[in-house]
Amino acid sequence: MDVRINLKVITNSKSNQVDKFLLEDGEYKMTVRTSQIAENGKANDKVIELVADFFAVNKSSIHIMFGTKNKHKLVLVQKVKKIPYVGAK
């Protein structure tokens, strides 16, 4: 199954983690914190790693479809077998 996520990235954070993951108005939304700076794709690489770990898929299954140079991104996660618990707003 493929999942599209509206993702917000917070760079220069003290931690590397998925902060929020919820279903709101029929859309998956996620906030990710990374200690990487938004320079030369470093933050995007870390975001891909964190999202891949969260969904237990390979990094090659994560695609940033929109927003590679923006803190707001549209991300496609392919080959998802199980969606982690989602809080609904």
N, C-alpha and C. Protein backbone atom coordinates (compact mmCIF):
# COMPACT_ATOMS: atom_id res chain seq x y z
N MET A 1 0.85 -1.16 0.00
CA MET A 1 0.00 0.00 0.00
C MET A 1 0.90 1.24 0.00
N ASP A 2 0.49 2.28 -0.72
CA ASP A 2 1.20 3.56 -0.75
C ASP A 2 0.45 4.56 0.12
N VAL A 3 1.20 5.40 0.82
CA VAL A 3 0.62 6.39 1.71
C VAL A 3 1.22 7.76 1.39
N ARG A 4 0.35 8.75 1.23
CA ARG A 4 0.80 10.14 1.03
C ARG A 4 0.68 10.88 2.37
N ILE A 5 1.71 11.66 2.68
CA ILE A 5 1.74 12.36 3.96
C ILE A 5 2.10 13.82 3.73
N ASN A 6 1.33 14.70 4.34
CA ASN A 6 1.71 16.11 4.43
C ASN A 6 2.63 16.22 5.63
N LEU A 7 3.86 16.60 5.36
CA LEU A 7 4.89 16.54 6.38
C LEU A 7 5.46 17.93 6.66
N LYS A 8 5.67 18.22 7.93
CA LYS A 8 6.33 19.46 8.34
C LYS A 8 7.66 19.09 8.99
N VAL A 9 8.72 19.76 8.58
CA VAL A 9 10.05 19.48 9.10
C VAL A 9 10.52 20.63 9.97
N ILE A 10 11.04 20.29 11.14
CA ILE A 10 11.65 21.27 12.03
C ILE A 10 13.13 20.93 12.09
N THR A 11 13.96 21.80 11.49
CA THR A 11 15.40 21.56 11.44
C THR A 11 16.09 22.20 12.64
N ASN A 12 17.37 21.88 12.80
CA ASN A 12 18.19 22.40 13.90
C ASN A 12 17.58 22.09 15.26
N SER A 13 16.92 20.98 15.36
CA SER A 13 16.30 20.55 16.62
C SER A 13 17.34 19.84 17.48
N LYS A 14 17.02 19.64 18.73
CA LYS A 14 17.92 18.91 19.62
C LYS A 14 17.83 17.40 19.40
N SER A 15 16.74 16.96 18.76
CA SER A 15 16.55 15.53 18.58
C SER A 15 16.18 15.19 17.14
N ASN A 16 16.26 13.90 16.82
CA ASN A 16 15.83 13.37 15.54
C ASN A 16 14.68 12.42 15.82
N GLN A 17 13.46 12.85 15.47
CA GLN A 17 12.31 12.01 15.79
C GLN A 17 11.07 12.41 15.02
N VAL A 18 10.15 11.45 14.90
CA VAL A 18 8.82 11.76 14.40
C VAL A 18 8.06 12.29 15.60
N ASP A 19 7.63 13.53 15.51
CA ASP A 19 7.01 14.21 16.63
C ASP A 19 5.51 13.94 16.68
N LYS A 20 4.85 14.00 15.51
CA LYS A 20 3.40 13.78 15.43
C LYS A 20 3.09 12.99 14.19
N PHE A 21 2.06 12.16 14.29
CA PHE A 21 1.52 11.47 13.13
C PHE A 21 0.04 11.30 13.38
N LEU A 22 -0.77 11.94 12.56
CA LEU A 22 -2.21 11.86 12.79
C LEU A 22 -2.99 11.93 11.49
N LEU A 23 -4.24 11.56 11.59
CA LEU A 23 -5.17 11.61 10.47
C LEU A 23 -6.12 12.77 10.74
N GLU A 24 -6.09 13.76 9.85
CA GLU A 24 -6.90 14.96 10.04
C GLU A 24 -7.59 15.29 8.72
N ASP A 25 -8.90 15.39 8.74
CA ASP A 25 -9.69 15.69 7.54
C ASP A 25 -9.37 14.74 6.40
N GLY A 26 -9.16 13.47 6.73
CA GLY A 26 -8.91 12.45 5.71
C GLY A 26 -7.49 12.43 5.16
N GLU A 27 -6.59 13.23 5.74
CA GLU A 27 -5.20 13.29 5.28
C GLU A 27 -4.26 12.92 6.42
N TYR A 28 -3.19 12.19 6.07
CA TYR A 28 -2.16 11.90 7.06
C TYR A 28 -1.25 13.12 7.18
N LYS A 29 -0.96 13.49 8.41
CA LYS A 29 -0.08 14.63 8.68
C LYS A 29 0.99 14.18 9.67
N MET A 30 2.20 14.67 9.44
CA MET A 30 3.32 14.26 10.27
C MET A 30 4.23 15.46 10.51
N THR A 31 4.80 15.51 11.71
CA THR A 31 5.83 16.49 12.02
C THR A 31 7.09 15.72 12.39
N VAL A 32 8.20 16.10 11.77
CA VAL A 32 9.49 15.44 12.01
C VAL A 32 10.48 16.48 12.47
N ARG A 33 11.23 16.15 13.52
CA ARG A 33 12.30 17.01 14.03
C ARG A 33 13.64 16.38 13.65
N THR A 34 14.56 17.23 13.19
CA THR A 34 15.89 16.74 12.87
C THR A 34 16.95 17.73 13.35
N SER A 35 18.07 17.20 13.79
CA SER A 35 19.17 18.05 14.23
C SER A 35 19.98 18.56 13.04
N GLN A 36 19.71 18.02 11.86
CA GLN A 36 20.42 18.44 10.65
C GLN A 36 20.00 19.85 10.23
N ILE A 37 20.90 20.55 9.58
CA ILE A 37 20.57 21.86 9.04
C ILE A 37 20.00 21.69 7.63
N ALA A 38 19.21 22.65 7.21
CA ALA A 38 18.60 22.61 5.89
C ALA A 38 19.60 23.13 4.86
N GLU A 39 20.61 22.31 4.58
CA GLU A 39 21.66 22.72 3.66
C GLU A 39 22.14 21.49 2.89
N ASN A 40 22.21 21.62 1.57
CA ASN A 40 22.70 20.56 0.69
C ASN A 40 21.93 19.25 0.86
N GLY A 41 20.66 19.32 1.20
CA GLY A 41 19.84 18.12 1.31
C GLY A 41 20.05 17.29 2.56
N LYS A 42 20.84 17.79 3.51
CA LYS A 42 21.13 17.02 4.73
C LYS A 42 19.86 16.75 5.54
N ALA A 43 19.03 17.77 5.69
CA ALA A 43 17.79 17.59 6.46
C ALA A 43 16.86 16.62 5.74
N ASN A 44 16.75 16.73 4.42
CA ASN A 44 15.88 15.82 3.66
C ASN A 44 16.35 14.38 3.80
N ASP A 45 17.65 14.16 3.77
CA ASP A 45 18.18 12.80 3.93
C ASP A 45 17.80 12.23 5.29
N LYS A 46 17.89 13.05 6.33
CA LYS A 46 17.54 12.59 7.68
C LYS A 46 16.04 12.35 7.79
N VAL A 47 15.23 13.21 7.17
CA VAL A 47 13.77 13.02 7.17
C VAL A 47 13.42 11.69 6.51
N ILE A 48 14.04 11.39 5.38
CA ILE A 48 13.78 10.12 4.69
C ILE A 48 14.13 8.95 5.60
N GLU A 49 15.25 9.05 6.28
CA GLU A 49 15.67 7.98 7.20
C GLU A 49 14.65 7.81 8.34
N LEU A 50 14.20 8.90 8.94
CA LEU A 50 13.27 8.83 10.06
C LEU A 50 11.90 8.29 9.63
N VAL A 51 11.42 8.74 8.49
CA VAL A 51 10.12 8.26 7.99
C VAL A 51 10.21 6.78 7.63
N ALA A 52 11.31 6.36 7.03
CA ALA A 52 11.50 4.95 6.69
C ALA A 52 11.50 4.09 7.95
N ASP A 53 12.18 4.54 8.99
CA ASP A 53 12.19 3.79 10.26
C ASP A 53 10.79 3.74 10.87
N PHE A 54 10.06 4.84 10.80
CA PHE A 54 8.73 4.91 11.38
C PHE A 54 7.78 3.90 10.74
N PHE A 55 7.86 3.77 9.41
CA PHE A 55 6.97 2.85 8.69
C PHE A 55 7.59 1.47 8.46
N ALA A 56 8.81 1.28 8.93
CA ALA A 56 9.52 0.00 8.77
C ALA A 56 9.62 -0.40 7.30
N VAL A 57 10.09 0.56 6.47
CA VAL A 57 10.33 0.30 5.05
C VAL A 57 11.75 0.75 4.72
N ASN A 58 12.21 0.38 3.54
CA ASN A 58 13.53 0.83 3.08
C ASN A 58 13.49 2.31 2.73
N LYS A 59 14.63 2.96 2.83
CA LYS A 59 14.70 4.38 2.48
C LYS A 59 14.33 4.61 1.02
N SER A 60 14.57 3.62 0.17
CA SER A 60 14.24 3.75 -1.25
C SER A 60 12.72 3.78 -1.48
N SER A 61 11.93 3.47 -0.47
CA SER A 61 10.47 3.51 -0.57
C SER A 61 9.90 4.87 -0.22
N ILE A 62 10.75 5.82 0.15
CA ILE A 62 10.31 7.16 0.54
C ILE A 62 10.66 8.14 -0.58
N HIS A 63 9.67 8.92 -1.01
CA HIS A 63 9.88 9.88 -2.09
C HIS A 63 9.29 11.24 -1.68
N ILE A 64 10.11 12.27 -1.74
CA ILE A 64 9.62 13.63 -1.51
C ILE A 64 9.08 14.12 -2.84
N MET A 65 7.76 14.21 -2.93
CA MET A 65 7.12 14.57 -4.19
C MET A 65 7.05 16.08 -4.39
N PHE A 66 7.00 16.82 -3.31
CA PHE A 66 6.90 18.28 -3.37
C PHE A 66 7.55 18.85 -2.12
N GLY A 67 8.28 19.95 -2.28
CA GLY A 67 8.82 20.65 -1.12
C GLY A 67 10.23 20.27 -0.73
N THR A 68 11.05 19.88 -1.69
CA THR A 68 12.42 19.51 -1.34
C THR A 68 13.20 20.67 -0.74
N LYS A 69 12.78 21.89 -1.05
CA LYS A 69 13.47 23.07 -0.50
C LYS A 69 12.54 23.88 0.39
N ASN A 70 11.63 23.18 1.06
CA ASN A 70 10.63 23.84 1.89
C ASN A 70 10.44 23.00 3.15
N LYS A 71 10.01 23.62 4.24
CA LYS A 71 9.77 22.85 5.46
C LYS A 71 8.46 22.06 5.38
N HIS A 72 7.59 22.42 4.46
CA HIS A 72 6.35 21.67 4.23
C HIS A 72 6.54 20.80 3.01
N LYS A 73 6.31 19.51 3.16
CA LYS A 73 6.58 18.55 2.08
C LYS A 73 5.39 17.62 1.87
N LEU A 74 5.28 17.11 0.67
CA LEU A 74 4.36 16.02 0.37
C LEU A 74 5.23 14.81 0.12
N VAL A 75 5.04 13.78 0.93
CA VAL A 75 5.90 12.61 0.89
C VAL A 75 5.06 11.38 0.54
N LEU A 76 5.60 10.55 -0.36
CA LEU A 76 4.98 9.28 -0.71
C LEU A 76 5.79 8.16 -0.07
N VAL A 77 5.10 7.31 0.68
CA VAL A 77 5.73 6.15 1.30
C VAL A 77 5.16 4.92 0.61
N GLN A 78 6.02 4.17 -0.06
CA GLN A 78 5.58 2.99 -0.80
C GLN A 78 5.84 1.71 0.01
N LYS A 79 5.10 0.69 -0.33
CA LYS A 79 5.28 -0.65 0.24
C LYS A 79 5.01 -0.70 1.74
N VAL A 80 4.05 0.12 2.21
CA VAL A 80 3.70 0.11 3.64
C VAL A 80 2.84 -1.12 3.90
N LYS A 81 3.25 -1.91 4.88
CA LYS A 81 2.49 -3.11 5.23
C LYS A 81 1.49 -2.82 6.33
N LYS A 82 1.87 -1.94 7.25
CA LYS A 82 0.99 -1.60 8.36
C LYS A 82 1.21 -0.14 8.75
N ILE A 83 0.12 0.61 8.87
CA ILE A 83 0.23 2.00 9.29
C ILE A 83 0.25 2.03 10.82
N PRO A 84 1.28 2.66 11.40
CA PRO A 84 1.32 2.77 12.86
C PRO A 84 0.07 3.47 13.39
N TYR A 85 -0.20 3.32 14.66
CA TYR A 85 -1.36 3.94 15.26
C TYR A 85 -1.45 5.41 14.88
N VAL A 86 -2.62 5.84 14.50
CA VAL A 86 -2.83 7.21 14.08
C VAL A 86 -3.82 7.86 15.02
N GLY A 87 -3.41 8.97 15.63
CA GLY A 87 -4.34 9.76 16.43
C GLY A 87 -5.21 10.58 15.51
N ALA A 88 -6.48 10.65 15.77
CA ALA A 88 -7.41 11.43 14.94
C ALA A 88 -7.72 12.73 15.65
N LYS A 89 -7.81 13.80 14.90
CA LYS A 89 -8.09 15.09 15.50
C LYS A 89 -9.55 15.43 15.31
